[in-house]
Amino acid sequence: MYLGWIETEALFMGVQEQSVAGYGLENAVDTAWILVAAFLVFFMNLGFAMLESGMQRAKNTSNICMKNLVTPAIGGLVFFIVGFSLTFGKDLYGVLGNPMELAMLSGLETLDMWPNTNVTAFAFFLFQVMFAATAATIVSGAVGERIKFSGYLLFTTVILALIYPLVAHWVWGGGWLGSIGMVDFAGSAVVHLTGGVAALAGAIALGPRLGKYTEGKVNLIPGHNISLSTIGALVLWFGWFGFNPGSTAAATVPSIATIAITTNIAAATGALAAMVTAWLHLGKPDVGMTINGLLAGLVAITAGCASVSPSAAIAIGGIAGMIVVFSVEFIDKILRIDDPVGAVSVHGVGGAFGALAVGLFADSKYSGGISGLFFGGGFSQLVVQLVGVFAVSAFAFGASYIAFKVIDWAIGLRVSEEEETIGLDVSEHGMSAYPDFEVPS
């Protein structure tokens, strides 16, 4: 044991010596911060699981939990093997990164600094893989209560291996949208719009749940536990302090506090705006709509959190909170697309608005020189943001819809009517989330 202790100490001292060369206090602080931010973003998976399960029926709770459990697991491997390289590998024609350059983090060492940052390359990777998993898990709620678990696993692999990495490369990896000046600091378009339109494609490909639209009527299918959904929303709010401030990739910059403030303000105004809008429009301060308003405010500020003033964050969050109420109703009652959790409205519509809001509210005092339409910058940045929103929406929706249809052709996408009636907990996983409350047959 004594010799083992000496060997361990010698190994530790070797690591210390290795870390001294070219790795100082600023590197350590920034690397520690981006790792903490990555942990916070990972924690958001818990928020998604609780939010989605609470907004859907009890008989599908285990299935929803399972999807949110395996999504970051798939992301951790798929993004490691190919996604990170497609996103951040050497740019090829403005469309994708070299798929072999960074595959399985080849050529990287833990103490290599990521370009233009003080953080280690491995820390940067961990932060990015959490973003990728977030985009994928957005789809889970919109396709809930009727998709085969196997079909969900296949689509999750596709979005993490191809769809999300290409969009992220366009904006963040040296691709064509970044080259024309699109601003999306933490991913209103890259993460949320991509996930939101993929969710839309899945909901369309699957069709509505049984009993949702009958005899010309739109029937409410309530979730089983609003407490879970509320807890999930608050967890997501907390996790967003890793999502947005963490995108600085540095703890040693003064803007980190401003980003945290704009994030919090937009969340607060989004929740209150949705509550008031629902109260006036529907007659009651609806809890579900307030949750969606909170999340829409967070989604909307994500692109411009480092480019707008705190007062502008009030407007962005408030507008997003109002929009989401009418968007949920429009998608459900007019388009008749069944989205059990409002993911398309929160992430798709909210993400599109957030990206466009940069072109409206960017303030050169905060953005480092970029000004939006309302701050003397004219239409130039707004046009760039509009091009980005259109491109991301078209590609992510088209690629996702094709992927869903191919999966449907290959193995079938939707469970049978009998399985849907029984519930996916039993039919897909052979268990119930609440066995003590089942009524004996």
Protein backbone atom coordinates (compact mmCIF):
# COMPACT_ATOMS: atom_id res chain seq x y z
CA MET A 1 0.00 0.00 0.00
CA TYR A 2 2.90 2.35 0.83
CA LEU A 3 4.54 1.78 -2.59
CA GLY A 4 1.17 2.29 -4.27
CA TRP A 5 0.77 5.59 -2.44
CA ILE A 6 4.25 6.70 -3.59
CA GLU A 7 3.42 5.78 -7.20
CA THR A 8 0.12 7.64 -7.01
CA GLU A 9 1.81 10.70 -5.55
CA ALA A 10 4.49 10.58 -8.27
CA LEU A 11 1.80 10.37 -10.94
CA PHE A 12 -0.05 13.31 -9.39
CA MET A 13 3.15 15.37 -9.29
CA GLY A 14 3.72 14.53 -12.96
CA VAL A 15 0.28 15.84 -13.83
CA GLN A 16 1.02 18.97 -11.84
CA GLU A 17 4.27 19.50 -13.71
CA GLN A 18 2.53 18.93 -17.02
CA SER A 19 -0.16 21.43 -16.14
CA VAL A 20 2.25 24.21 -15.22
CA ALA A 21 3.61 24.74 -18.73
CA GLY A 22 1.35 27.20 -20.54
CA TYR A 23 -1.53 26.76 -18.11
CA GLY A 24 -1.99 29.62 -15.70
CA LEU A 25 -4.56 30.95 -13.28
CA GLU A 26 -6.73 32.52 -15.99
CA ASN A 27 -6.85 29.20 -17.85
CA ALA A 28 -7.81 27.40 -14.67
CA VAL A 29 -10.57 29.85 -13.76
CA ASP A 30 -12.09 29.92 -17.26
CA THR A 31 -11.87 26.14 -17.65
CA ALA A 32 -13.51 25.63 -14.25
CA TRP A 33 -16.30 28.04 -15.20
CA ILE A 34 -17.13 26.38 -18.52
CA LEU A 35 -17.17 22.99 -16.78
CA VAL A 36 -19.59 24.28 -14.14
CA ALA A 37 -21.73 25.75 -16.94
CA ALA A 38 -21.68 22.38 -18.72
CA PHE A 39 -22.87 20.69 -15.52
CA LEU A 40 -25.72 23.22 -15.25
CA VAL A 41 -26.79 22.58 -18.85
CA PHE A 42 -26.66 18.84 -18.20
CA PHE A 43 -28.93 19.39 -15.19
CA MET A 44 -31.52 20.78 -17.61
CA ASN A 45 -32.20 17.20 -18.73
CA LEU A 46 -33.89 16.70 -15.38
CA GLY A 47 -35.99 19.79 -16.03
CA PHE A 48 -37.09 18.51 -19.44
CA ALA A 49 -37.98 15.11 -18.00
CA MET A 50 -40.17 16.58 -15.26
CA LEU A 51 -41.72 19.24 -17.49
CA GLU A 52 -42.69 16.77 -20.22
CA SER A 53 -43.90 13.99 -17.96
CA GLY A 54 -46.10 16.36 -15.97
CA MET A 55 -47.72 17.75 -19.13
CA GLN A 56 -48.59 14.28 -20.43
CA ARG A 57 -50.67 11.43 -19.08
CA ALA A 58 -49.56 9.21 -16.21
CA LYS A 59 -49.58 6.09 -18.39
CA ASN A 60 -46.70 7.49 -20.44
CA THR A 61 -44.48 8.79 -17.64
CA SER A 62 -41.88 6.01 -17.71
CA ASN A 63 -41.55 6.37 -21.48
CA ILE A 64 -40.94 10.11 -21.22
CA CYS A 65 -38.39 9.62 -18.46
CA MET A 66 -36.65 6.96 -20.51
CA LYS A 67 -36.38 9.25 -23.55
CA ASN A 68 -34.90 12.06 -21.48
CA LEU A 69 -32.54 9.61 -19.82
CA VAL A 70 -31.11 8.15 -23.03
CA THR A 71 -30.96 11.36 -25.08
CA PRO A 72 -27.88 12.77 -23.29
CA ALA A 73 -26.41 9.26 -23.30
CA ILE A 74 -26.74 9.03 -27.09
CA GLY A 75 -25.47 12.59 -27.39
CA GLY A 76 -22.43 11.87 -25.27
CA LEU A 77 -21.34 9.15 -27.69
CA VAL A 78 -22.59 10.35 -31.08
CA PHE A 79 -21.30 13.90 -30.65
CA PHE A 80 -17.98 12.45 -29.45
CA ILE A 81 -17.66 10.14 -32.46
CA VAL A 82 -18.77 12.45 -35.27
CA GLY A 83 -20.91 15.44 -34.24
CA PHE A 84 -18.17 17.57 -32.70
CA SER A 85 -15.94 17.10 -35.74
CA LEU A 86 -18.74 18.05 -38.15
CA THR A 87 -19.40 21.14 -36.06
CA PHE A 88 -15.92 22.43 -35.29
CA GLY A 89 -13.62 20.63 -37.70
CA LYS A 90 -11.88 22.61 -40.43
CA ASP A 91 -14.53 24.32 -42.55
CA LEU A 92 -15.41 22.65 -45.85
CA TYR A 93 -17.23 24.93 -48.32
CA GLY A 94 -19.00 26.79 -45.52
CA VAL A 95 -21.32 23.82 -44.98
CA LEU A 96 -19.65 21.34 -42.63
CA GLY A 97 -16.55 20.70 -40.62
CA ASN A 98 -14.04 18.08 -41.67
CA PRO A 99 -15.70 14.90 -40.32
CA MET A 100 -12.38 13.22 -39.54
CA GLU A 101 -10.38 16.09 -38.04
CA LEU A 102 -11.78 15.97 -34.52
CA ALA A 103 -13.56 12.59 -34.60
CA MET A 104 -13.37 11.07 -31.11
CA LEU A 105 -11.36 14.19 -30.16
CA SER A 106 -8.41 12.94 -32.19
CA GLY A 107 -5.42 15.27 -32.07
CA LEU A 108 -6.58 17.02 -28.91
CA GLU A 109 -4.91 16.94 -25.55
CA THR A 110 -6.59 17.93 -22.29
CA LEU A 111 -4.29 20.93 -21.81
CA ASP A 112 -4.53 22.27 -25.36
CA MET A 113 -6.44 25.54 -25.35
CA TRP A 114 -9.47 25.82 -27.62
CA PRO A 115 -8.79 28.55 -30.24
CA ASN A 116 -9.55 32.09 -29.08
CA THR A 117 -10.34 30.94 -25.53
CA ASN A 118 -8.49 30.22 -22.31
CA VAL A 119 -10.31 26.92 -21.74
CA THR A 120 -9.01 23.45 -22.48
CA ALA A 121 -10.29 21.78 -25.63
CA PHE A 122 -11.80 18.92 -23.64
CA ALA A 123 -13.74 21.35 -21.44
CA PHE A 124 -15.04 23.14 -24.54
CA PHE A 125 -16.16 19.80 -25.98
CA LEU A 126 -18.08 18.88 -22.83
CA PHE A 127 -19.94 22.19 -22.91
CA GLN A 128 -20.84 21.74 -26.58
CA VAL A 129 -22.07 18.18 -26.18
CA MET A 130 -24.59 19.41 -23.60
CA PHE A 131 -25.91 21.93 -26.12
CA ALA A 132 -26.32 19.21 -28.74
CA ALA A 133 -28.25 16.99 -26.34
CA THR A 134 -30.54 19.91 -25.48
CA ALA A 135 -31.49 20.40 -29.14
CA ALA A 136 -32.30 16.70 -29.42
CA THR A 137 -34.36 16.43 -26.24
CA ILE A 138 -36.68 19.27 -27.37
CA VAL A 139 -38.21 16.79 -29.82
CA SER A 140 -39.17 14.35 -27.07
CA GLY A 141 -42.17 16.26 -25.75
CA ALA A 142 -43.75 17.07 -29.10
CA VAL A 143 -43.79 13.43 -30.24
CA GLY A 144 -44.87 12.14 -26.84
CA GLU A 145 -47.51 9.51 -26.13
CA ARG A 146 -47.45 7.86 -29.58
CA ILE A 147 -43.91 7.37 -30.97
CA LYS A 148 -42.14 4.02 -30.83
CA PHE A 149 -39.18 4.11 -28.50
CA SER A 150 -37.00 2.53 -31.18
CA GLY A 151 -38.06 5.20 -33.67
CA TYR A 152 -37.21 7.93 -31.18
CA LEU A 153 -33.75 6.43 -30.61
CA LEU A 154 -33.03 6.38 -34.34
CA PHE A 155 -34.15 9.97 -34.88
CA THR A 156 -32.15 11.17 -31.87
CA THR A 157 -29.07 9.59 -33.41
CA VAL A 158 -29.74 11.34 -36.73
CA ILE A 159 -30.24 14.81 -35.25
CA LEU A 160 -27.12 14.48 -33.09
CA ALA A 161 -24.93 13.01 -35.83
CA LEU A 162 -25.99 15.21 -38.73
CA ILE A 163 -28.74 17.81 -38.41
CA TYR A 164 -27.62 19.72 -35.34
CA PRO A 165 -23.87 19.59 -36.16
CA LEU A 166 -24.40 21.11 -39.61
CA VAL A 167 -26.54 23.96 -38.28
CA ALA A 168 -24.07 24.61 -35.46
CA HIS A 169 -21.20 24.66 -37.94
CA TRP A 170 -22.97 27.20 -40.14
CA VAL A 171 -23.15 29.66 -37.24
CA TRP A 172 -20.42 28.75 -34.74
CA GLY A 173 -17.94 26.56 -36.59
CA GLY A 174 -16.80 28.86 -39.36
CA GLY A 175 -19.66 28.16 -41.75
CA TRP A 176 -21.55 30.41 -44.10
CA LEU A 177 -24.03 31.98 -41.66
CA GLY A 178 -21.26 33.03 -39.31
CA SER A 179 -19.31 34.44 -42.23
CA ILE A 180 -22.17 36.75 -43.25
CA GLY A 181 -22.45 38.02 -39.67
CA MET A 182 -25.31 36.12 -38.06
CA VAL A 183 -25.33 36.59 -34.28
CA ASP A 184 -26.61 33.74 -32.11
CA PHE A 185 -24.63 33.95 -28.90
CA ALA A 186 -25.99 30.92 -27.07
CA GLY A 187 -28.32 29.25 -29.54
CA SER A 188 -31.84 30.65 -30.03
CA ALA A 189 -31.56 29.42 -33.62
CA VAL A 190 -28.78 26.83 -33.43
CA VAL A 191 -30.22 24.91 -30.49
CA HIS A 192 -33.85 25.91 -30.01
CA LEU A 193 -35.08 26.68 -33.49
CA THR A 194 -33.40 23.50 -34.76
CA GLY A 195 -35.02 21.43 -32.03
CA GLY A 196 -38.36 23.21 -32.42
CA VAL A 197 -38.75 22.67 -36.16
CA ALA A 198 -37.52 19.08 -35.79
CA ALA A 199 -40.29 18.66 -33.21
CA LEU A 200 -42.77 20.12 -35.69
CA ALA A 201 -41.65 17.66 -38.35
CA GLY A 202 -42.07 14.77 -35.92
CA ALA A 203 -45.52 15.85 -34.80
CA ILE A 204 -46.67 16.13 -38.42
CA ALA A 205 -45.15 12.80 -39.44
CA LEU A 206 -46.77 11.02 -36.49
CA GLY A 207 -50.17 12.65 -36.60
CA PRO A 208 -52.26 13.55 -33.53
CA ARG A 209 -52.87 11.37 -30.49
CA LEU A 210 -56.02 9.26 -30.41
CA GLY A 211 -59.00 11.38 -29.39
CA LYS A 212 -57.28 14.72 -29.87
CA TYR A 213 -59.32 15.83 -32.87
CA THR A 214 -62.77 14.24 -33.22
CA GLU A 215 -65.89 15.29 -35.09
CA GLY A 216 -64.46 18.67 -35.91
CA LYS A 217 -63.62 19.42 -32.28
CA VAL A 218 -60.30 20.03 -30.57
CA ASN A 219 -60.24 18.01 -27.36
CA LEU A 220 -58.07 18.86 -24.39
CA ILE A 221 -55.87 16.00 -23.19
CA PRO A 222 -54.59 17.30 -19.85
CA GLY A 223 -51.32 16.33 -18.29
CA HIS A 224 -51.29 14.39 -15.05
CA ASN A 225 -49.07 16.45 -12.74
CA ILE A 226 -48.70 20.21 -12.97
CA SER A 227 -46.42 20.12 -9.91
CA LEU A 228 -43.83 18.12 -11.85
CA SER A 229 -44.06 20.51 -14.77
CA THR A 230 -43.59 23.54 -12.51
CA ILE A 231 -40.54 21.98 -10.88
CA GLY A 232 -39.20 21.15 -14.33
CA ALA A 233 -39.65 24.73 -15.50
CA LEU A 234 -37.79 26.09 -12.47
CA VAL A 235 -34.96 23.59 -13.02
CA LEU A 236 -34.69 24.78 -16.62
CA TRP A 237 -34.61 28.41 -15.47
CA PHE A 238 -31.75 27.53 -13.12
CA GLY A 239 -29.91 25.57 -15.80
CA TRP A 240 -30.12 28.49 -18.21
CA PHE A 241 -27.58 30.35 -16.07
CA GLY A 242 -25.12 27.81 -17.41
CA PHE A 243 -26.55 27.94 -20.92
CA ASN A 244 -26.18 31.68 -21.55
CA PRO A 245 -23.43 32.99 -19.23
CA GLY A 246 -21.47 29.80 -19.88
CA SER A 247 -21.31 30.64 -23.57
CA THR A 248 -18.74 33.31 -22.75
CA ALA A 249 -16.33 30.37 -22.31
CA ALA A 250 -14.69 32.66 -19.75
CA ALA A 251 -15.25 33.68 -16.16
CA THR A 252 -12.77 36.52 -16.51
CA VAL A 253 -14.92 38.82 -18.66
CA PRO A 254 -17.19 41.52 -17.23
CA SER A 255 -20.05 40.72 -19.62
CA ILE A 256 -20.84 37.49 -17.80
CA ALA A 257 -22.90 39.35 -15.18
CA THR A 258 -24.81 41.34 -17.80
CA ILE A 259 -25.66 38.12 -19.63
CA ALA A 260 -26.97 36.58 -16.42
CA ILE A 261 -29.12 39.66 -15.81
CA THR A 262 -30.60 39.79 -19.32
CA THR A 263 -31.33 36.06 -19.06
CA ASN A 264 -33.14 36.43 -15.75
CA ILE A 265 -35.10 39.51 -16.83
CA ALA A 266 -36.33 37.87 -20.02
CA ALA A 267 -37.44 34.78 -18.10
CA ALA A 268 -39.33 36.88 -15.56
CA THR A 269 -41.09 39.06 -18.11
CA GLY A 270 -41.85 36.06 -20.31
CA ALA A 271 -43.63 34.32 -17.46
CA LEU A 272 -45.59 37.40 -16.39
CA ALA A 273 -46.50 38.39 -19.95
CA ALA A 274 -47.83 34.91 -20.70
CA MET A 275 -49.75 34.83 -17.43
CA VAL A 276 -51.45 38.16 -18.13
CA THR A 277 -52.09 37.33 -21.78
CA ALA A 278 -53.69 33.99 -20.87
CA TRP A 279 -55.68 35.66 -18.10
CA LEU A 280 -57.13 38.21 -20.51
CA HIS A 281 -57.53 35.86 -23.47
CA LEU A 282 -58.64 32.66 -21.74
CA GLY A 283 -60.20 34.09 -18.58
CA LYS A 284 -57.80 32.42 -16.15
CA PRO A 285 -54.08 32.75 -15.29
CA ASP A 286 -53.21 29.37 -16.81
CA VAL A 287 -50.23 27.60 -15.18
CA GLY A 288 -49.21 25.74 -18.32
CA MET A 289 -49.19 28.91 -20.40
CA THR A 290 -47.18 30.71 -17.71
CA ILE A 291 -44.61 27.91 -17.80
CA ASN A 292 -44.42 28.17 -21.58
CA GLY A 293 -44.05 31.94 -21.33
CA LEU A 294 -41.17 31.57 -18.89
CA LEU A 295 -39.41 29.18 -21.26
CA ALA A 296 -40.18 31.26 -24.34
CA GLY A 297 -38.59 34.27 -22.67
CA LEU A 298 -35.47 32.24 -21.95
CA VAL A 299 -35.34 30.85 -25.49
CA ALA A 300 -35.80 34.30 -27.02
CA ILE A 301 -33.03 36.01 -25.04
CA THR A 302 -30.53 33.25 -25.75
CA ALA A 303 -29.37 34.69 -29.09
CA GLY A 304 -28.98 38.27 -27.91
CA CYS A 305 -28.18 37.92 -24.22
CA ALA A 306 -24.71 39.39 -24.81
CA SER A 307 -25.86 42.01 -27.35
CA VAL A 308 -28.80 43.76 -25.71
CA SER A 309 -29.35 45.93 -22.66
CA PRO A 310 -31.26 44.73 -19.59
CA SER A 311 -34.13 47.05 -20.50
CA ALA A 312 -34.31 45.54 -23.99
CA ALA A 313 -34.47 42.09 -22.34
CA ILE A 314 -37.78 43.19 -20.81
CA ALA A 315 -39.19 43.76 -24.28
CA ILE A 316 -37.77 40.54 -25.72
CA GLY A 317 -39.05 38.38 -22.87
CA GLY A 318 -42.41 40.12 -22.77
CA ILE A 319 -43.04 39.79 -26.49
CA ALA A 320 -41.99 36.13 -26.43
CA GLY A 321 -44.35 35.48 -23.52
CA MET A 322 -47.29 36.99 -25.39
CA ILE A 323 -46.46 35.30 -28.69
CA VAL A 324 -46.26 31.83 -27.19
CA VAL A 325 -49.85 31.92 -25.91
CA PHE A 326 -51.27 32.62 -29.36
CA SER A 327 -48.78 30.29 -31.05
CA VAL A 328 -49.83 27.33 -28.91
CA GLU A 329 -53.49 27.99 -29.75
CA PHE A 330 -52.79 28.52 -33.45
CA ILE A 331 -50.79 25.31 -33.84
CA ASP A 332 -53.32 23.29 -31.83
CA LYS A 333 -56.64 24.71 -33.00
CA ILE A 334 -55.98 26.08 -36.49
CA LEU A 335 -53.17 23.92 -37.86
CA ARG A 336 -54.33 20.94 -35.78
CA ILE A 337 -50.84 19.73 -35.09
CA ASP A 338 -50.73 17.85 -31.81
CA ASP A 339 -47.84 19.03 -29.64
CA PRO A 340 -48.54 17.88 -26.06
CA VAL A 341 -46.05 20.24 -24.39
CA GLY A 342 -45.96 23.27 -26.70
CA ALA A 343 -42.37 22.57 -27.75
CA VAL A 344 -42.87 23.92 -31.27
CA SER A 345 -44.15 27.23 -29.93
CA VAL A 346 -41.64 27.61 -27.10
CA HIS A 347 -38.52 26.52 -28.95
CA GLY A 348 -39.42 26.92 -32.61
CA VAL A 349 -41.37 30.17 -32.58
CA GLY A 350 -39.49 31.49 -29.55
CA GLY A 351 -36.16 30.61 -31.12
CA ALA A 352 -37.03 32.32 -34.41
CA PHE A 353 -38.14 35.46 -32.61
CA GLY A 354 -35.05 35.44 -30.42
CA ALA A 355 -32.73 35.29 -33.42
CA LEU A 356 -34.63 38.11 -35.13
CA ALA A 357 -34.64 40.16 -31.92
CA VAL A 358 -30.88 40.61 -32.27
CA GLY A 359 -31.54 42.51 -35.49
CA LEU A 360 -34.01 44.72 -33.65
CA PHE A 361 -32.55 45.27 -30.16
CA ALA A 362 -28.76 44.82 -30.44
CA ASP A 363 -26.99 47.73 -28.76
CA SER A 364 -23.40 48.54 -29.69
CA LYS A 365 -22.66 49.40 -26.04
CA TYR A 366 -23.18 45.74 -25.19
CA SER A 367 -22.55 43.90 -28.45
CA GLY A 368 -19.12 45.22 -29.33
CA GLY A 369 -20.24 47.22 -32.33
CA ILE A 370 -23.42 45.62 -33.69
CA SER A 371 -26.61 47.70 -33.61
CA GLY A 372 -30.12 46.59 -34.41
CA LEU A 373 -32.91 48.47 -36.13
CA PHE A 374 -34.18 50.12 -32.93
CA PHE A 375 -30.69 51.31 -31.98
CA GLY A 376 -29.61 53.03 -35.16
CA GLY A 377 -28.24 50.06 -37.07
CA GLY A 378 -30.78 50.02 -39.86
CA PHE A 379 -32.02 46.81 -41.44
CA SER A 380 -28.67 45.19 -42.24
CA GLN A 381 -28.37 42.98 -39.16
CA LEU A 382 -32.07 42.17 -39.21
CA VAL A 383 -31.76 40.91 -42.81
CA VAL A 384 -28.82 38.70 -41.86
CA GLN A 385 -30.77 37.27 -38.92
CA LEU A 386 -33.78 36.68 -41.16
CA VAL A 387 -31.65 34.76 -43.66
CA GLY A 388 -30.31 32.65 -40.79
CA VAL A 389 -33.76 31.89 -39.38
CA PHE A 390 -35.06 30.88 -42.80
CA ALA A 391 -32.04 28.69 -43.57
CA VAL A 392 -32.04 26.91 -40.22
CA SER A 393 -35.81 26.37 -40.33
CA ALA A 394 -35.84 25.03 -43.87
CA PHE A 395 -32.92 22.68 -43.42
CA ALA A 396 -33.80 21.38 -39.95
CA PHE A 397 -37.47 20.82 -40.86
CA GLY A 398 -36.75 19.23 -44.22
CA ALA A 399 -34.00 16.94 -42.95
CA SER A 400 -36.03 15.96 -39.88
CA TYR A 401 -39.19 15.21 -41.84
CA ILE A 402 -37.24 13.02 -44.28
CA ALA A 403 -35.58 11.22 -41.36
CA PHE A 404 -38.92 10.56 -39.67
CA LYS A 405 -40.47 9.26 -42.91
CA VAL A 406 -37.50 6.97 -43.60
CA ILE A 407 -37.71 5.60 -40.06
CA ASP A 408 -41.44 5.09 -40.53
CA TRP A 409 -40.79 3.17 -43.74
CA ALA A 410 -38.02 1.08 -42.21
CA ILE A 411 -39.39 0.05 -38.80
CA GLY A 412 -42.62 1.98 -38.28
CA LEU A 413 -42.76 5.23 -36.35
CA ARG A 414 -45.98 5.04 -34.37
CA VAL A 415 -47.25 2.51 -31.86
CA SER A 416 -50.52 0.68 -32.54
CA GLU A 417 -53.85 2.05 -31.36
CA GLU A 418 -54.03 -0.67 -28.72
CA GLU A 419 -50.55 0.19 -27.42
CA GLU A 420 -51.34 3.90 -27.37
CA THR A 421 -54.56 3.23 -25.44
CA ILE A 422 -52.78 1.06 -22.87
CA GLY A 423 -49.98 3.58 -22.58
CA LEU A 424 -46.36 3.50 -23.63
CA ASP A 425 -45.14 2.66 -20.14
CA VAL A 426 -46.59 -0.84 -20.36
CA SER A 427 -46.49 -1.40 -24.11
CA GLU A 428 -42.94 -0.12 -24.68
CA HIS A 429 -41.24 -0.74 -21.32
CA GLY A 430 -43.32 -3.35 -19.53
CA MET A 431 -43.82 -1.26 -16.42
CA SER A 432 -45.89 1.52 -14.88
CA ALA A 433 -44.57 4.69 -13.30
CA TYR A 434 -47.36 4.61 -10.70
CA PRO A 435 -48.22 0.95 -9.98
CA ASP A 436 -49.65 1.71 -6.54
CA PHE A 437 -52.38 3.85 -8.08
CA GLU A 438 -53.53 1.44 -10.78
CA VAL A 439 -57.12 0.24 -10.55
CA PRO A 440 -57.20 -3.62 -10.58
CA SER A 441 -58.76 -4.96 -13.77
